[in-house]
Structures are given as C-alpha cells and as structure tokens.
Protein backbone atom coordinates (compact mmCIF):
# COMPACT_ATOMS: atom_id res chain seq x y z
CA MET A 1 -52.76 -17.14 39.59
CA ASP A 2 -55.99 -17.38 37.63
CA PRO A 3 -55.13 -19.05 34.28
CA SER A 4 -58.11 -17.42 32.59
CA ASN A 5 -56.47 -14.02 32.54
CA THR A 6 -52.78 -14.36 33.46
CA SER A 7 -50.04 -13.84 30.88
CA ILE A 8 -46.53 -14.97 31.77
CA ALA A 9 -43.28 -13.92 30.12
CA ILE A 10 -40.29 -16.23 30.53
CA ILE A 11 -36.81 -14.93 29.72
CA GLY A 12 -34.55 -17.77 28.66
CA ALA A 13 -35.41 -20.84 26.59
CA GLY A 14 -32.96 -23.23 28.18
CA MET A 15 -33.94 -26.27 30.20
CA ALA A 16 -35.09 -24.30 33.26
CA GLY A 17 -37.17 -21.80 31.31
CA LEU A 18 -38.81 -24.41 29.09
CA ALA A 19 -39.57 -26.78 31.98
CA CYS A 20 -41.27 -23.90 33.78
CA ALA A 21 -43.10 -22.78 30.63
CA THR A 22 -44.35 -26.29 29.87
CA ARG A 23 -45.87 -26.75 33.32
CA LEU A 24 -47.50 -23.29 33.32
CA SER A 25 -48.83 -23.71 29.80
CA LYS A 26 -50.38 -27.07 30.64
CA ALA A 27 -52.11 -25.38 33.59
CA GLY A 28 -53.84 -23.03 31.16
CA HIS A 29 -51.73 -19.89 31.37
CA THR A 30 -50.72 -17.83 28.35
CA VAL A 31 -46.95 -18.21 28.25
CA THR A 32 -44.47 -16.48 25.96
CA VAL A 33 -40.77 -17.37 26.08
CA PHE A 34 -38.05 -14.99 24.94
CA ASP A 35 -34.51 -16.03 24.11
CA LYS A 36 -31.60 -14.10 22.65
CA GLY A 37 -30.35 -17.16 20.75
CA ARG A 38 -31.23 -17.94 17.17
CA GLY A 39 -32.58 -21.38 18.07
CA PRO A 40 -32.96 -24.02 20.78
CA GLY A 41 -30.06 -24.99 22.97
CA GLY A 42 -28.62 -22.54 25.45
CA ARG A 43 -25.86 -24.46 27.22
CA MET A 44 -27.23 -27.63 25.54
CA ALA A 45 -26.49 -26.12 22.15
CA ALA A 46 -25.25 -27.92 19.06
CA ARG A 47 -23.05 -26.17 16.50
CA ARG A 48 -23.28 -27.12 12.82
CA ALA A 49 -20.39 -27.00 10.36
CA GLU A 50 -19.86 -27.95 6.73
CA ILE A 51 -17.00 -30.44 6.54
CA GLY A 52 -16.16 -32.16 3.27
CA GLY A 53 -19.56 -31.32 1.81
CA GLU A 54 -21.41 -32.79 4.81
CA THR A 55 -23.26 -30.95 7.57
CA VAL A 56 -21.81 -32.06 10.90
CA GLY A 57 -23.07 -31.21 14.37
CA PHE A 58 -20.92 -30.65 17.46
CA ASP A 59 -22.27 -30.69 21.01
CA HIS A 60 -20.11 -27.84 22.24
CA GLY A 61 -21.99 -27.20 25.50
CA ALA A 62 -23.35 -29.82 27.88
CA GLN A 63 -22.03 -33.22 26.83
CA TYR A 64 -24.51 -35.57 28.47
CA PHE A 65 -26.90 -35.69 31.41
CA THR A 66 -28.08 -38.12 34.06
CA ALA A 67 -31.57 -38.65 35.43
CA ARG A 68 -32.07 -39.50 39.10
CA ASP A 69 -35.11 -37.56 40.29
CA PRO A 70 -38.44 -39.33 39.53
CA GLU A 71 -39.91 -36.25 37.78
CA PHE A 72 -36.90 -35.88 35.54
CA ARG A 73 -36.72 -39.61 34.87
CA LYS A 74 -40.32 -39.45 33.70
CA ALA A 75 -39.51 -36.58 31.34
CA VAL A 76 -36.45 -38.40 29.98
CA ALA A 77 -38.53 -41.55 29.38
CA ALA A 78 -41.00 -39.49 27.36
CA TRP A 79 -38.18 -37.89 25.36
CA HIS A 80 -36.77 -41.33 24.70
CA THR A 81 -40.13 -42.46 23.35
CA PHE A 82 -40.24 -39.41 21.09
CA GLY A 83 -36.72 -40.18 19.83
CA VAL A 84 -35.05 -36.98 21.02
CA VAL A 85 -32.71 -38.60 23.59
CA ALA A 86 -30.70 -41.82 23.72
CA PRO A 87 -28.39 -43.59 26.20
CA TRP A 88 -24.66 -43.05 25.75
CA PRO A 89 -22.79 -45.65 27.80
CA ALA A 90 -19.38 -44.19 26.94
CA ALA A 91 -20.05 -41.39 29.46
CA GLY A 92 -21.47 -43.72 32.12
CA ASP A 93 -24.12 -46.35 32.65
CA ASP A 94 -26.74 -43.70 33.41
CA ALA A 95 -25.68 -41.15 30.79
CA TRP A 96 -28.07 -39.72 28.20
CA VAL A 97 -27.59 -37.43 25.22
CA GLY A 98 -30.00 -35.50 23.05
CA THR A 99 -30.50 -36.67 19.47
CA PRO A 100 -29.54 -35.83 16.82
CA GLY A 101 -27.79 -33.20 18.97
CA MET A 102 -27.77 -32.30 22.64
CA ASN A 103 -30.49 -29.74 21.97
CA GLY A 104 -32.92 -32.51 20.95
CA PRO A 105 -35.11 -32.30 24.08
CA ILE A 106 -34.88 -28.50 24.15
CA ARG A 107 -36.09 -28.35 20.55
CA ALA A 108 -38.95 -30.74 21.35
CA MET A 109 -40.07 -28.73 24.37
CA ALA A 110 -39.85 -25.43 22.52
CA SER A 111 -41.91 -26.73 19.58
CA ALA A 112 -44.97 -26.96 21.82
CA LEU A 113 -44.58 -23.41 23.17
CA ASP A 114 -44.67 -19.82 21.96
CA VAL A 115 -40.98 -18.96 21.79
CA SER A 116 -39.60 -15.72 20.37
CA TRP A 117 -36.05 -16.48 19.22
CA GLY A 118 -33.45 -13.80 18.60
CA THR A 119 -35.10 -11.55 21.19
CA ARG A 120 -32.76 -10.10 23.81
CA ILE A 121 -34.66 -8.59 26.74
CA GLU A 122 -32.65 -5.57 27.87
CA ARG A 123 -34.85 -4.20 30.67
CA VAL A 124 -37.66 -5.36 32.95
CA HIS A 125 -39.76 -2.86 34.92
CA ARG A 126 -43.23 -2.26 36.30
CA ASP A 127 -45.82 -0.60 34.09
CA GLY A 128 -48.78 0.01 36.37
CA GLU A 129 -50.03 -3.38 37.55
CA ARG A 130 -48.12 -5.29 34.87
CA TRP A 131 -44.54 -5.94 33.84
CA LYS A 132 -42.94 -4.40 30.77
CA LEU A 133 -40.08 -6.18 29.01
CA GLU A 134 -38.03 -4.11 26.60
CA THR A 135 -35.64 -4.96 23.80
CA ASP A 136 -33.60 -2.33 21.98
CA HIS A 137 -36.52 -1.65 19.63
CA LYS A 138 -39.68 -3.29 21.00
CA SER A 139 -41.56 -3.88 24.25
CA PHE A 140 -43.87 -6.57 25.65
CA VAL A 141 -46.19 -6.64 28.65
CA ALA A 142 -47.14 -9.50 30.94
CA ASP A 143 -48.76 -10.12 34.30
CA ALA A 144 -45.90 -12.27 35.58
CA VAL A 145 -42.21 -12.67 34.72
CA VAL A 146 -39.79 -15.57 35.06
CA CYS A 147 -36.07 -14.96 34.58
CA ALA A 148 -34.36 -18.21 33.61
CA VAL A 149 -30.92 -17.08 32.43
CA PRO A 150 -27.49 -17.65 34.01
CA ALA A 151 -27.05 -16.13 37.46
CA GLU A 152 -24.74 -13.30 36.38
CA GLN A 153 -27.15 -12.22 33.64
CA ALA A 154 -30.16 -12.46 35.96
CA GLY A 155 -28.37 -10.30 38.53
CA VAL A 156 -27.94 -7.50 36.00
CA LEU A 157 -31.35 -7.78 34.33
CA LEU A 158 -33.32 -7.76 37.59
CA GLY A 159 -31.25 -5.14 39.41
CA ASP A 160 -34.03 -2.53 39.32
CA ALA A 161 -37.08 -4.76 38.90
CA ALA A 162 -36.43 -7.19 41.77
CA PRO A 163 -33.38 -6.20 43.85
CA ASP A 164 -33.75 -9.11 46.29
CA LEU A 165 -33.80 -11.69 43.52
CA ALA A 166 -30.97 -9.90 41.74
CA ALA A 167 -28.85 -9.96 44.89
CA LEU A 168 -29.39 -13.69 45.30
CA ALA A 169 -28.27 -14.31 41.72
CA GLN A 170 -25.28 -11.99 42.09
CA ASN A 171 -23.96 -14.13 44.94
CA VAL A 172 -23.29 -16.94 42.48
CA THR A 173 -20.04 -17.05 40.51
CA SER A 174 -19.86 -19.25 37.42
CA GLN A 175 -16.72 -20.78 35.95
CA PRO A 176 -15.87 -20.28 32.26
CA CYS A 177 -15.05 -22.95 29.70
CA TRP A 178 -13.39 -22.81 26.32
CA ALA A 179 -14.97 -25.47 24.10
CA VAL A 180 -13.11 -26.56 20.98
CA MET A 181 -14.62 -28.44 18.06
CA ALA A 182 -12.15 -30.36 15.93
CA ALA A 183 -12.56 -32.75 12.99
CA PHE A 184 -9.83 -34.98 11.56
CA ALA A 185 -9.41 -36.80 8.28
CA ASP A 186 -8.65 -40.09 10.03
CA ARG A 187 -9.55 -41.72 13.33
CA LEU A 188 -7.29 -40.73 16.22
CA ASN A 189 -5.55 -43.55 18.03
CA ILE A 190 -7.69 -43.15 21.17
CA PRO A 191 -9.71 -46.23 22.15
CA ASP A 192 -12.18 -44.48 24.48
CA ASP A 193 -14.91 -42.19 23.18
CA ALA A 194 -14.99 -40.09 26.35
CA LEU A 195 -12.06 -38.88 28.46
CA LYS A 196 -12.65 -37.13 31.78
CA ASN A 197 -9.97 -35.64 34.02
CA PRO A 198 -11.14 -32.68 36.14
CA ASP A 199 -7.60 -31.98 37.34
CA ALA A 200 -6.04 -31.68 33.88
CA ALA A 201 -5.94 -28.83 31.37
CA ILE A 202 -8.53 -30.70 29.27
CA SER A 203 -11.18 -31.72 31.76
CA TRP A 204 -13.35 -33.39 29.13
CA ALA A 205 -12.80 -34.73 25.63
CA ALA A 206 -15.35 -36.67 23.62
CA ARG A 207 -15.50 -38.30 20.24
CA ASN A 208 -18.65 -36.46 19.28
CA SER A 209 -19.12 -38.59 16.17
CA ALA A 210 -19.51 -41.68 18.40
CA LYS A 211 -22.66 -40.38 20.05
CA PRO A 212 -26.00 -41.82 18.88
CA SER A 213 -27.46 -40.40 15.65
CA ARG A 214 -24.44 -38.22 14.87
CA ALA A 215 -23.12 -37.59 11.36
CA GLY A 216 -19.58 -36.99 10.21
CA GLY A 217 -16.22 -38.67 10.53
CA GLU A 218 -13.72 -38.24 13.34
CA CYS A 219 -15.08 -35.28 15.32
CA TRP A 220 -14.05 -34.29 18.84
CA VAL A 221 -15.25 -31.76 21.40
CA LEU A 222 -12.64 -30.60 23.93
CA HIS A 223 -13.45 -28.69 27.11
CA ALA A 224 -10.69 -26.79 28.84
CA SER A 225 -10.83 -26.95 32.63
CA PRO A 226 -11.99 -23.85 34.53
CA ALA A 227 -8.39 -23.10 35.54
CA ARG A 228 -7.08 -23.43 32.00
CA SER A 229 -10.02 -21.47 30.61
CA HIS A 230 -9.23 -18.62 33.01
CA GLU A 231 -5.61 -18.62 31.80
CA ILE A 232 -6.62 -18.19 28.15
CA LEU A 233 -9.93 -16.42 28.76
CA ASP A 234 -9.21 -13.35 26.65
CA LEU A 235 -7.51 -15.03 23.69
CA ALA A 236 -9.05 -14.73 20.25
CA LYS A 237 -11.07 -17.78 19.24
CA GLU A 238 -8.43 -18.98 16.81
CA GLU A 239 -5.67 -18.71 19.42
CA ALA A 240 -7.76 -20.41 22.10
CA ALA A 241 -8.63 -23.26 19.72
CA ALA A 242 -4.97 -23.85 18.93
CA ALA A 243 -3.96 -23.73 22.61
CA VAL A 244 -6.65 -26.21 23.70
CA LEU A 245 -5.81 -28.56 20.81
CA ASP A 246 -2.13 -28.49 21.84
CA ASP A 247 -3.18 -29.32 25.41
CA PHE A 248 -5.24 -32.24 24.13
CA PHE A 249 -2.38 -33.81 22.23
CA ALA A 250 0.04 -33.26 25.10
CA GLN A 251 -2.40 -34.80 27.57
CA THR A 252 -3.16 -37.87 25.44
CA GLY A 253 0.45 -38.38 24.33
CA LEU A 254 -0.54 -38.35 20.65
CA ALA A 255 1.62 -36.74 18.02
CA PRO A 256 -0.14 -33.55 16.88
CA VAL A 257 -2.47 -33.98 13.90
CA THR A 258 -3.67 -31.08 11.78
CA PRO A 259 -7.48 -30.94 11.89
CA ILE A 260 -9.61 -30.42 8.81
CA HIS A 261 -11.94 -28.27 10.90
CA LEU A 262 -11.21 -26.28 14.06
CA ALA A 263 -13.44 -23.83 15.93
CA ALA A 264 -13.86 -22.58 19.48
CA HIS A 265 -16.63 -21.17 21.63
CA ARG A 266 -16.18 -19.41 24.97
CA TRP A 267 -18.78 -20.18 27.62
CA LEU A 268 -18.43 -17.45 30.23
CA TYR A 269 -21.04 -19.02 32.51
CA ALA A 270 -20.45 -22.70 31.92
CA MET A 271 -20.58 -23.99 35.49
CA PRO A 272 -22.25 -22.12 38.36
CA GLY A 273 -20.53 -22.24 41.70
CA LYS A 274 -22.21 -23.27 44.93
CA PRO A 275 -25.97 -23.16 44.31
CA ALA A 276 -27.86 -20.37 45.99
CA ASP A 277 -29.74 -21.28 49.15
CA GLY A 278 -32.96 -22.93 48.03
CA VAL A 279 -34.38 -24.45 44.87
CA VAL A 280 -36.50 -21.54 43.63
CA ARG A 281 -37.28 -17.98 44.42
CA TYR A 282 -40.65 -16.37 43.67
CA ASP A 283 -42.14 -13.05 44.75
CA ALA A 284 -45.85 -13.92 44.89
CA GLU A 285 -46.91 -10.34 45.57
CA ARG A 286 -45.24 -8.92 42.47
CA TYR A 287 -45.44 -12.03 40.25
CA ILE A 288 -41.75 -12.35 39.43
CA GLY A 289 -39.40 -15.28 39.90
CA ILE A 290 -36.06 -16.81 38.96
CA ALA A 291 -35.08 -20.33 37.94
CA GLY A 292 -31.89 -22.04 36.86
CA ASP A 293 -29.36 -24.70 37.73
CA TYR A 294 -27.59 -22.24 40.04
CA LEU A 295 -30.62 -22.50 42.34
CA HIS A 296 -30.51 -26.29 42.50
CA SER A 297 -27.47 -28.13 41.14
CA PRO A 298 -25.13 -27.46 38.19
CA ARG A 299 -26.60 -30.14 35.95
CA VAL A 300 -29.22 -30.42 33.23
CA GLU A 301 -31.42 -32.18 35.77
CA GLY A 302 -30.91 -29.33 38.23
CA ALA A 303 -32.10 -26.78 35.67
CA PHE A 304 -35.18 -28.88 34.87
CA LEU A 305 -36.12 -29.34 38.53
CA SER A 306 -35.62 -25.66 39.31
CA GLY A 307 -37.94 -24.64 36.47
CA LEU A 308 -40.52 -27.21 37.50
CA ALA A 309 -40.43 -26.13 41.14
CA LEU A 310 -40.84 -22.47 40.26
CA ALA A 311 -43.88 -23.28 38.14
CA SER A 312 -45.38 -25.21 41.06
CA ASP A 313 -44.77 -22.27 43.41
CA MET A 314 -46.44 -19.90 40.94
CA LEU A 315 -49.46 -22.15 40.51
CA SER A 316 -49.94 -22.55 44.24
CA ALA A 317 -49.25 -18.91 45.16
CA ASP A 318 -52.90 -18.01 45.28
C-alpha cells in the first residue's frame, strides 16, 4: 500500500486493533479507528464506581498479562517507562497490570491515534473501489479495512463483505464469563491477593485494591468459570452477582459478608476457543483483513501480536 494516498479504517480499539493501527500510522498511512465503547478498554476495561464518596476502579475484564515475545516485551518496557503498566507479583513473577487500571496501555495507545468512540459499525460493503462502513445514522469510506473485534462479531459483520474471512472467524467459539465487582467495609480474611482455580466455580478472584496504583478499600473482582457462567448465563445482573458472590464465599470457606458495593458484567466472548489456523488473515487484492487473539492465542500478548502481524502483512502486500 502506498502511504501517500491510502486511508485505513480499523473496527475495534482493543489491543489487536490499536497495535495494528499504531504500526500502520507510523508507516505514514491515514488510520481511523472505530469502537462501539465509550472509552478505551475492550476486554481490558476498567469499571468505575462511587463508593463511600470515593471513585474506585475495578478491572472487570483481563486481570493481568505476561510478556514473552520480544516485540511485546519491548512494548511493555516502553509502557512501563511511560507509567501505564506495572509488575504485579501476586499473579506470578512475570505478571503485569495496566495502571491506574488495566486499560492503561490501551488508553496510551489510543491517545496517539484518531479513534472514534461510541461508534458501532453495523455494515461493511464495497462502494466502487473503496470500502463503505455504515453506522445506524452515518457512513465512512476507506481504501482498506481491518476488523479487530471478537470472532463471533467479526463473523457477522464480514458475512457479506468478506465471506472467507467471516467463515474463518465463525469457526471459533468463545466461552462466556460473569465478572462480579464487590467492595467490603473491612478486609476479608484471605491472605492471598489472587486466587486461581480453573476447575472451580470461581476460576479467578483478585483483591483488586492490592494492584499497583489502585484506589479504594477492600475491593474484589470475581470471575465465574466458563461452566458456571454457562449455568447462569441468562440471569439478570443482580441475580448473577449474588450467585457468584455465594460461590466465592463457599469456595473460600468464609462466612458470607454483605458487600457495600456489588455489580456484575457479562462477557459473552471472554475466552476464544482453539485459535484459528494462522496468526493473521489479509485479502491483499481487496484490502481487508482480520486480527484478534482468536487468530493467535487467547491472551493480551496474542491480541497484540496478531494486530502487529496483520499490519506487517498489509505493509508488505505491495
């Protein structure tokens, strides 16, 4: 692609989309990113709540990440220098978290790009030699398109525009997760700040307030396992929150404690299944591609590397 006259639209401002956008932008392309969310995060989102007159953040999506690939390690080192990530030994010797919330690096990446928040792209189709992206009330045009949303969403969005790419995404099945955010007046009698048990009803529980640069008192994030999340998938948020909290107390052996704050969020596409065959997919003749952790590995690092690899394929296509 010739950067002097190529415009690129990227759907999805999560780690994959922003990694791709950053590389393409640095190469001189005009890049616009669209995201349906109100702000940075995606599955690295942080939820804010007013508790006792104080604004408290909960990492209700991804809890931490590791960095093993040299490219990702280099990015993490830069984020560390900028103060938007920090080590969190409670989750492992090589664990990192965003600061002051998990969306710290996402926010930093997005700040250097042209991102249109609160913009849900409903349809993608050809308009002559270019692509047209439509919302429910507005349209945009671009020479190239990147779809960096969860596999199930990509499969629907690209069904008409790129059937082959859509079919690849549709072959991936993601597992759901109910995430519960709970705050307590006093510290719970749990010595560890992170509890992991993939075979239990609560596969992950973390004292969110113990993470670096976090505010608030005793705050916990609880993730129901995929199996448990399936069992309570269609409950109302209030009912799901109560069920997951009951599971947490039963699993830890603590006597139930009434929280001073309790909320739940349902992630329908929390964990993609077996990654699709290959790291990236790009149609160089039609200038359209897909990126995401489902094309690499179900981790923050996998999303980053998928976005980076797609950008490299696009830059070398011509």
